[in-house]
């Protein structure tokens, strides 16, 4: 359900109806799912420390080259 919410940016009421759960349950599942994903994600400092050695230069959406 959380992945569908991220992908489609679906209204919570419609999302819950698609999974046959109430709006309150949909909000709870969404918030719990986001918390689980956030807990598993590396923090910014760890990511930036490992970035120069694990990846080459990348460009942003505006075309700026990030080294």
C-alpha atoms as a PDB file:
ATOM      1  CA  UNK A   1       0.000   0.000   0.000  1.00  0.00           C
ATOM      2  CA  UNK A   2       2.812   2.409   0.870  1.00  0.00           C
ATOM      3  CA  UNK A   3       4.558   1.788  -2.429  1.00  0.00           C
ATOM      4  CA  UNK A   4       1.329   2.459  -4.318  1.00  0.00           C
ATOM      5  CA  UNK A   5       0.903   5.698  -2.380  1.00  0.00           C
ATOM      6  CA  UNK A   6       4.445   6.802  -3.291  1.00  0.00           C
ATOM      7  CA  UNK A   7       4.088   5.815  -6.928  1.00  0.00           C
ATOM      8  CA  UNK A   8       0.634   7.175  -7.704  1.00  0.00           C
ATOM      9  CA  UNK A   9       0.232   9.900  -5.029  1.00  0.00           C
ATOM     10  CA  UNK A  10      -3.256   8.501  -4.613  1.00  0.00           C
ATOM     11  CA  UNK A  11      -5.820  10.152  -2.358  1.00  0.00           C
ATOM     12  CA  UNK A  12      -5.850   8.261   0.945  1.00  0.00           C
ATOM     13  CA  UNK A  13      -9.579   7.537   0.794  1.00  0.00           C
ATOM     14  CA  UNK A  14      -9.299   6.051  -2.708  1.00  0.00           C
ATOM     15  CA  UNK A  15      -6.169   4.133  -1.790  1.00  0.00           C
ATOM     16  CA  UNK A  16      -7.884   2.573   1.223  1.00  0.00           C
ATOM     17  CA  UNK A  17     -10.940   1.696  -0.833  1.00  0.00           C
ATOM     18  CA  UNK A  18      -8.733  -0.148  -3.302  1.00  0.00           C
ATOM     19  CA  UNK A  19      -7.358  -2.302  -0.478  1.00  0.00           C
ATOM     20  CA  UNK A  20     -10.742  -2.529   1.295  1.00  0.00           C
ATOM     21  CA  UNK A  21      -9.562  -0.812   4.492  1.00  0.00           C
ATOM     22  CA  UNK A  22     -10.839   2.278   6.265  1.00  0.00           C
ATOM     23  CA  UNK A  23      -9.344   5.734   5.859  1.00  0.00           C
ATOM     24  CA  UNK A  24      -7.913   5.651   9.404  1.00  0.00           C
ATOM     25  CA  UNK A  25      -6.265   2.291   8.750  1.00  0.00           C
ATOM     26  CA  UNK A  26      -4.860   3.577   5.469  1.00  0.00           C
ATOM     27  CA  UNK A  27      -3.282   6.565   7.215  1.00  0.00           C
ATOM     28  CA  UNK A  28      -1.832   4.281   9.901  1.00  0.00           C
ATOM     29  CA  UNK A  29      -0.415   1.806   7.358  1.00  0.00           C
ATOM     30  CA  UNK A  30       1.029   4.652   5.288  1.00  0.00           C
ATOM     31  CA  UNK A  31       2.676   6.303   8.292  1.00  0.00           C
ATOM     32  CA  UNK A  32       4.019   2.978   9.624  1.00  0.00           C
ATOM     33  CA  UNK A  33       5.384   2.060   6.189  1.00  0.00           C
ATOM     34  CA  UNK A  34       7.144   5.401   5.816  1.00  0.00           C
ATOM     35  CA  UNK A  35       8.673   4.960   9.287  1.00  0.00           C
ATOM     36  CA  UNK A  36      10.007   1.508   8.357  1.00  0.00           C
ATOM     37  CA  UNK A  37      11.512   2.794   5.105  1.00  0.00           C
ATOM     38  CA  UNK A  38      13.047   5.808   6.848  1.00  0.00           C
ATOM     39  CA  UNK A  39      14.607   3.619   9.551  1.00  0.00           C
ATOM     40  CA  UNK A  40      16.328   1.501   6.895  1.00  0.00           C
ATOM     41  CA  UNK A  41      17.600   4.423   4.831  1.00  0.00           C
ATOM     42  CA  UNK A  42      21.193   5.563   5.384  1.00  0.00           C
ATOM     43  CA  UNK A  43      21.615   8.997   6.895  1.00  0.00           C
ATOM     44  CA  UNK A  44      22.899  11.885   4.794  1.00  0.00           C
ATOM     45  CA  UNK A  45      26.402  11.963   6.306  1.00  0.00           C
ATOM     46  CA  UNK A  46      26.976   8.259   5.636  1.00  0.00           C
ATOM     47  CA  UNK A  47      25.764   8.628   2.077  1.00  0.00           C
ATOM     48  CA  UNK A  48      27.941  11.652   1.361  1.00  0.00           C
ATOM     49  CA  UNK A  49      31.028  10.019   2.886  1.00  0.00           C
ATOM     50  CA  UNK A  50      30.673   6.961   0.649  1.00  0.00           C
ATOM     51  CA  UNK A  51      29.539   8.767  -2.491  1.00  0.00           C
ATOM     52  CA  UNK A  52      32.863   9.808  -4.058  1.00  0.00           C
ATOM     53  CA  UNK A  53      34.238   6.270  -3.835  1.00  0.00           C
ATOM     54  CA  UNK A  54      31.110   4.422  -4.958  1.00  0.00           C
ATOM     55  CA  UNK A  55      29.918   6.559  -7.841  1.00  0.00           C
ATOM     56  CA  UNK A  56      31.242   8.864 -10.497  1.00  0.00           C
ATOM     57  CA  UNK A  57      29.955  12.316 -11.266  1.00  0.00           C
ATOM     58  CA  UNK A  58      26.217  12.725 -11.668  1.00  0.00           C
ATOM     59  CA  UNK A  59      24.070  15.513 -13.014  1.00  0.00           C
ATOM     60  CA  UNK A  60      21.071  17.075 -11.339  1.00  0.00           C
ATOM     61  CA  UNK A  61      17.717  17.781 -12.952  1.00  0.00           C
ATOM     62  CA  UNK A  62      18.937  21.214 -14.002  1.00  0.00           C
ATOM     63  CA  UNK A  63      21.983  19.728 -15.706  1.00  0.00           C
ATOM     64  CA  UNK A  64      24.473  20.849 -13.065  1.00  0.00           C
ATOM     65  CA  UNK A  65      27.398  18.423 -12.832  1.00  0.00           C
ATOM     66  CA  UNK A  66      27.922  17.207  -9.280  1.00  0.00           C
ATOM     67  CA  UNK A  67      31.413  15.869  -8.599  1.00  0.00           C
END
